[in-house]
Protein backbone atom coordinates (compact mmCIF):
# COMPACT_ATOMS: atom_id res chain seq x y z
CA MET A 1 16.66 -8.18 -10.24
CA LEU A 2 15.75 -6.14 -7.15
CA SER A 3 12.47 -5.18 -8.76
CA TRP A 4 11.57 -8.85 -9.20
CA PHE A 5 12.59 -9.64 -5.60
CA PHE A 6 10.60 -6.79 -4.04
CA GLN A 7 7.59 -7.70 -6.18
CA ARG A 8 7.59 -11.16 -4.53
CA VAL A 9 8.27 -9.81 -1.03
CA THR A 10 5.43 -7.30 -1.27
CA ALA A 11 3.09 -10.00 -2.60
CA ILE A 12 3.71 -12.14 0.48
CA PHE A 13 3.32 -9.15 2.80
CA LEU A 14 0.12 -8.10 1.04
CA ILE A 15 -1.45 -11.53 1.45
CA LEU A 16 -0.64 -11.65 5.16
CA GLY A 17 -1.18 -7.95 5.81
CA MET A 18 -4.56 -7.76 4.10
CA ALA A 19 -5.73 -10.81 6.03
CA VAL A 20 -4.78 -9.11 9.31
CA HIS A 21 -6.22 -5.79 8.17
CA ILE A 22 -9.57 -7.31 7.19
CA LEU A 23 -9.98 -10.00 9.85
CA VAL A 24 -8.71 -8.40 13.05
CA LEU A 25 -11.88 -6.42 13.84
CA PRO A 26 -14.50 -9.09 13.07
CA LEU A 27 -12.53 -11.69 15.03
CA ALA A 28 -12.52 -9.32 18.00
CA GLY A 29 -16.31 -9.29 17.80
CA GLU A 30 -16.63 -5.57 17.18
CA ARG A 31 -18.49 -3.69 14.46
CA LEU A 32 -16.52 -1.31 12.28
CA SER A 33 -17.05 2.33 13.24
CA TYR A 34 -15.19 5.61 13.02
CA SER A 35 -14.42 5.60 16.75
CA LEU A 36 -13.06 2.05 16.58
CA VAL A 37 -10.74 2.89 13.66
CA SER A 38 -9.70 6.11 15.39
CA GLU A 39 -8.88 4.20 18.58
CA ARG A 40 -6.96 1.57 16.62
CA LEU A 41 -4.93 4.23 14.81
CA SER A 42 -4.01 5.90 18.09
CA HIS A 43 -1.43 3.12 18.51
CA THR A 44 1.90 3.57 16.77
CA GLY A 45 2.09 -0.10 15.79
CA TRP A 46 -1.14 0.06 13.78
CA ILE A 47 -0.04 3.27 12.09
CA LEU A 48 3.26 1.68 11.04
CA PHE A 49 1.42 -1.45 9.91
CA ASP A 50 -1.00 0.59 7.77
CA LEU A 51 1.84 2.68 6.32
CA LEU A 52 3.76 -0.49 5.40
CA LEU A 53 0.61 -1.90 3.85
CA LEU A 54 0.12 1.31 1.87
CA ALA A 55 3.74 1.29 0.67
CA SER A 56 3.51 -2.39 -0.29
CA CYS A 57 0.28 -1.86 -2.21
CA LEU A 58 1.69 1.09 -4.11
CA TYR A 59 4.99 -0.61 -4.91
CA HIS A 60 3.44 -3.91 -5.93
CA GLY A 61 0.69 -2.40 -8.06
CA LEU A 62 2.68 0.34 -9.75
CA ASN A 63 5.73 -1.86 -10.33
CA GLY A 64 3.44 -4.39 -12.00
CA ILE A 65 1.83 -1.73 -14.18
CA TRP A 66 5.24 -0.30 -15.04
CA GLY A 67 6.46 -3.77 -16.05
CA VAL A 68 3.46 -4.45 -18.29
CA ILE A 69 3.69 -1.06 -20.01
CA PHE A 70 7.46 -1.45 -20.40
CA ASP A 71 6.96 -4.85 -22.05
CA TYR A 72 4.82 -3.23 -24.74
CA ASN A 73 6.76 0.01 -25.15
CA PRO A 74 10.38 -0.24 -23.91
CA LYS A 75 11.42 3.00 -25.63
CA SER A 76 9.44 5.23 -23.28
CA LEU A 77 11.20 4.15 -20.09
CA LYS A 78 11.79 7.68 -18.82
CA ALA A 79 8.19 8.83 -19.38
CA ILE A 80 6.82 5.67 -17.76
CA GLY A 81 9.12 6.15 -14.79
CA TYR A 82 8.07 9.77 -14.25
CA THR A 83 4.40 8.87 -14.59
CA VAL A 84 4.61 5.98 -12.12
CA PHE A 85 6.59 8.15 -9.68
CA THR A 86 3.99 10.93 -9.90
CA ILE A 87 1.12 8.51 -9.34
CA SER A 88 2.90 6.92 -6.38
CA LEU A 89 3.60 10.33 -4.87
CA ILE A 90 -0.05 11.41 -5.20
CA PHE A 91 -1.41 8.20 -3.70
CA SER A 92 1.21 8.21 -0.93
CA ILE A 93 0.17 11.70 0.11
CA LEU A 94 -3.52 10.76 0.01
CA GLY A 95 -2.92 7.55 1.99
CA ILE A 96 -0.79 9.23 4.63
CA ALA A 97 -3.37 12.01 4.96
CA ALA A 98 -6.13 9.42 5.40
CA ILE A 99 -4.19 7.49 8.04
CA GLY A 100 -3.09 10.69 9.78
CA GLY A 101 -6.60 12.10 9.70
CA PHE A 102 -7.67 9.73 12.48
CA ARG A 103 -5.17 11.12 15.00
């Protein structure tokens, strides 16, 4: 039940969060550049926002994939769980490194 609930919560956050993430720079009238992203990520609020967006993307996407695979092969629950956890760990590290690389 919690999986279903968080899937819906992350969907709503992704819709709103991606809109903010994509539209905030063009609406400010500035062109995207490394220095602009670096300056934006010097603020703790933007870092937290991007980390929440990363976590929501990973949870929503991998939970959906896990659910589809589980529907077709419910006997391999443990293997699916370990695989999804490993993928989420790898992409979390890569995402955090990318966000932290601008500091």
